[in-house]
Each structure stands twice: as structure tokens, then as C-alpha cells.
Amino acid sequence: MKRVINFYKDATNYIFKENDNKLIEISVTEKILNGSDLYISFFKDYNIEDTFEIIDKTSDDEKKNDKMCIAIYTKVKELLSNIENMLKLELRQQDDKTE
């Protein structure tokens, strides 16, 4: 299943949403990603057919006024991609062992 995740920013948080559900919020001041929240939101029920599309919905002004906006989006997108690739590899290896 393809999951479309949108990235937004408000006055206090960087926000990753799926539909209208907030999955992850990262404080603009603290800039700390909670690994447990990441796991529960994206990978708890993950299966090998799952994919993510992360879309930046921040405005040009938000990017211009907050230099960390692009960095947060890029790093979280990269992190999700890396975890997804590792999980797919591990799941394929498990499938190969059971066959």
C-alpha cells in the first residue's frame, strides 16, 4: 500500500500528516524526533508491499524564513527511505529462508 505523507510547518512544529492525521510533530525549538513515535506511525504494521511518498507542503516563505525547514524534511525523508529499504531487505531474506 502506498502511503502519502505530507510535511507541514506551523508556528511551533514541523508536522508529518497522512490525510488529516498528524503522525509526527517535531518541535521547531527543540528539533527532536521521537524514535518511538516514528516506529509506531510508520513501521509498526509495515509489510513488504508498503511504500511511502513524502511531499513537502511548506511554502517558499516558510523555507526562506526557517532554514531548518528544508533540512528537517530532507533528513526525515532520507531516514524513512533508509529504514524502509533495510526492512524490505530483511523481509525478503526472511521470505527466502522460509521457502
C-alpha atoms as a PDB file:
ATOM      1  CA  MET A   1       0.000   0.000   0.000  1.00  0.00           C
ATOM      2  CA  LYS A   2       1.296   3.437  -0.905  1.00  0.00           C
ATOM      3  CA  ARG A   3       1.114   5.918   1.951  1.00  0.00           C
ATOM      4  CA  VAL A   4       1.221   9.605   1.068  1.00  0.00           C
ATOM      5  CA  ILE A   5       2.718  11.667   3.885  1.00  0.00           C
ATOM      6  CA  ASN A   6       2.577  15.463   3.756  1.00  0.00           C
ATOM      7  CA  PHE A   7       5.087  17.706   5.508  1.00  0.00           C
ATOM      8  CA  TYR A   8       3.835  20.989   7.002  1.00  0.00           C
ATOM      9  CA  LYS A   9       5.102  23.611   9.404  1.00  0.00           C
ATOM     10  CA  ASP A  10       3.197  25.758  11.855  1.00  0.00           C
ATOM     11  CA  ALA A  11       4.464  28.286  14.394  1.00  0.00           C
ATOM     12  CA  THR A  12       5.668  25.636  16.847  1.00  0.00           C
ATOM     13  CA  ASN A  13       6.137  22.338  14.976  1.00  0.00           C
ATOM     14  CA  TYR A  14       7.230  20.570  11.839  1.00  0.00           C
ATOM     15  CA  ILE A  15       4.375  18.166  11.104  1.00  0.00           C
ATOM     16  CA  PHE A  16       4.107  14.962   9.082  1.00  0.00           C
ATOM     17  CA  LYS A  17       0.481  14.119   8.275  1.00  0.00           C
ATOM     18  CA  GLU A  18      -1.315  11.321   6.474  1.00  0.00           C
ATOM     19  CA  ASN A  19      -4.681  12.556   5.285  1.00  0.00           C
ATOM     20  CA  ASP A  20      -5.693  14.773   8.223  1.00  0.00           C
ATOM     21  CA  ASN A  21      -3.955  12.651  10.865  1.00  0.00           C
ATOM     22  CA  LYS A  22      -0.835  14.051  12.490  1.00  0.00           C
ATOM     23  CA  LEU A  23       1.723  11.248  12.578  1.00  0.00           C
ATOM     24  CA  ILE A  24       4.776  13.060  13.886  1.00  0.00           C
ATOM     25  CA  GLU A  25       5.443  16.507  15.260  1.00  0.00           C
ATOM     26  CA  ILE A  26       8.943  17.875  15.723  1.00  0.00           C
ATOM     27  CA  SER A  27       9.270  20.988  17.859  1.00  0.00           C
ATOM     28  CA  VAL A  28      10.698  23.954  15.958  1.00  0.00           C
ATOM     29  CA  THR A  29      12.749  24.922  19.012  1.00  0.00           C
ATOM     30  CA  GLU A  30      13.960  21.502  20.180  1.00  0.00           C
ATOM     31  CA  LYS A  31      14.178  19.711  16.806  1.00  0.00           C
ATOM     32  CA  ILE A  32      13.995  16.248  18.410  1.00  0.00           C
ATOM     33  CA  LEU A  33      12.496  13.301  16.544  1.00  0.00           C
ATOM     34  CA  ASN A  34      10.977  10.716  18.857  1.00  0.00           C
ATOM     35  CA  GLY A  35      12.063   7.299  17.556  1.00  0.00           C
ATOM     36  CA  SER A  36       9.177   5.509  19.254  1.00  0.00           C
ATOM     37  CA  ASP A  37       6.647   7.803  17.557  1.00  0.00           C
ATOM     38  CA  LEU A  38       8.404   7.236  14.237  1.00  0.00           C
ATOM     39  CA  TYR A  39       8.222   3.452  14.637  1.00  0.00           C
ATOM     40  CA  ILE A  40       4.565   3.432  15.708  1.00  0.00           C
ATOM     41  CA  SER A  41       3.491   5.845  12.960  1.00  0.00           C
ATOM     42  CA  PHE A  42       5.337   4.277  10.046  1.00  0.00           C
ATOM     43  CA  PHE A  43       6.673   0.803  10.735  1.00  0.00           C
ATOM     44  CA  LYS A  44       4.666  -0.975  13.459  1.00  0.00           C
ATOM     45  CA  ASP A  45       2.395  -2.727  10.949  1.00  0.00           C
ATOM     46  CA  TYR A  46       4.758  -2.437   7.981  1.00  0.00           C
ATOM     47  CA  ASN A  47       4.678  -5.063   5.280  1.00  0.00           C
ATOM     48  CA  ILE A  48       6.879  -5.545   2.247  1.00  0.00           C
ATOM     49  CA  GLU A  49       4.359  -4.044  -0.217  1.00  0.00           C
ATOM     50  CA  ASP A  50       4.179  -0.757   1.689  1.00  0.00           C
ATOM     51  CA  THR A  51       5.767   2.364   0.213  1.00  0.00           C
ATOM     52  CA  PHE A  52       5.945   5.990   1.296  1.00  0.00           C
ATOM     53  CA  GLU A  53       5.692   9.173  -0.691  1.00  0.00           C
ATOM     54  CA  ILE A  54       6.744  12.195   1.368  1.00  0.00           C
ATOM     55  CA  ILE A  55       5.524  15.507  -0.046  1.00  0.00           C
ATOM     56  CA  ASP A  56       6.756  18.908   1.097  1.00  0.00           C
ATOM     57  CA  LYS A  57       3.731  21.181   1.556  1.00  0.00           C
ATOM     58  CA  THR A  58       5.619  24.069   3.137  1.00  0.00           C
ATOM     59  CA  SER A  59       5.543  27.424   1.406  1.00  0.00           C
ATOM     60  CA  ASP A  60       8.501  29.209  -0.125  1.00  0.00           C
ATOM     61  CA  ASP A  61       8.236  31.811   2.649  1.00  0.00           C
ATOM     62  CA  GLU A  62       8.396  29.118   5.342  1.00  0.00           C
ATOM     63  CA  LYS A  63      11.501  27.675   3.724  1.00  0.00           C
ATOM     64  CA  LYS A  64      13.054  31.134   3.371  1.00  0.00           C
ATOM     65  CA  ASN A  65      12.278  32.211   6.949  1.00  0.00           C
ATOM     66  CA  ASP A  66      13.230  28.906   8.609  1.00  0.00           C
ATOM     67  CA  LYS A  67      16.453  27.434   7.245  1.00  0.00           C
ATOM     68  CA  MET A  68      15.894  24.201   9.219  1.00  0.00           C
ATOM     69  CA  CYS A  69      12.600  23.541   7.432  1.00  0.00           C
ATOM     70  CA  ILE A  70      14.272  22.015   4.372  1.00  0.00           C
ATOM     71  CA  ALA A  71      16.817  20.138   6.497  1.00  0.00           C
ATOM     72  CA  ILE A  72      14.123  18.552   8.708  1.00  0.00           C
ATOM     73  CA  TYR A  73      12.084  17.491   5.672  1.00  0.00           C
ATOM     74  CA  THR A  74      15.121  16.108   3.838  1.00  0.00           C
ATOM     75  CA  LYS A  75      16.563  14.211   6.817  1.00  0.00           C
ATOM     76  CA  VAL A  76      13.267  12.636   7.885  1.00  0.00           C
ATOM     77  CA  LYS A  77      12.509  11.655   4.275  1.00  0.00           C
ATOM     78  CA  GLU A  78      16.002  10.143   3.980  1.00  0.00           C
ATOM     79  CA  LEU A  79      15.618   8.328   7.324  1.00  0.00           C
ATOM     80  CA  LEU A  80      12.262   6.831   6.320  1.00  0.00           C
ATOM     81  CA  SER A  81      13.689   5.717   2.979  1.00  0.00           C
ATOM     82  CA  ASN A  82      16.716   4.081   4.631  1.00  0.00           C
ATOM     83  CA  ILE A  83      14.593   2.248   7.207  1.00  0.00           C
ATOM     84  CA  GLU A  84      12.132   1.169   4.522  1.00  0.00           C
ATOM     85  CA  ASN A  85      14.947  -0.202   2.325  1.00  0.00           C
ATOM     86  CA  MET A  86      16.502  -2.103   5.238  1.00  0.00           C
ATOM     87  CA  LEU A  87      13.137  -3.561   6.262  1.00  0.00           C
ATOM     88  CA  LYS A  88      12.372  -4.697   2.716  1.00  0.00           C
ATOM     89  CA  LEU A  89      15.773  -6.392   2.520  1.00  0.00           C
ATOM     90  CA  GLU A  90      15.270  -8.135   5.879  1.00  0.00           C
ATOM     91  CA  LEU A  91      11.729  -9.219   4.990  1.00  0.00           C
ATOM     92  CA  ARG A  92      12.898 -10.623   1.639  1.00  0.00           C
ATOM     93  CA  GLN A  93      15.688 -12.523   3.379  1.00  0.00           C
ATOM     94  CA  GLN A  94      13.180 -13.965   5.853  1.00  0.00           C
ATOM     95  CA  ASP A  95      10.917 -14.999   2.987  1.00  0.00           C
ATOM     96  CA  ASP A  96      13.847 -16.673   1.208  1.00  0.00           C
ATOM     97  CA  LYS A  97      14.671 -18.682   4.342  1.00  0.00           C
ATOM     98  CA  THR A  98      11.091 -19.937   4.731  1.00  0.00           C
ATOM     99  CA  GLU A  99      10.814 -21.117   1.114  1.00  0.00           C
END
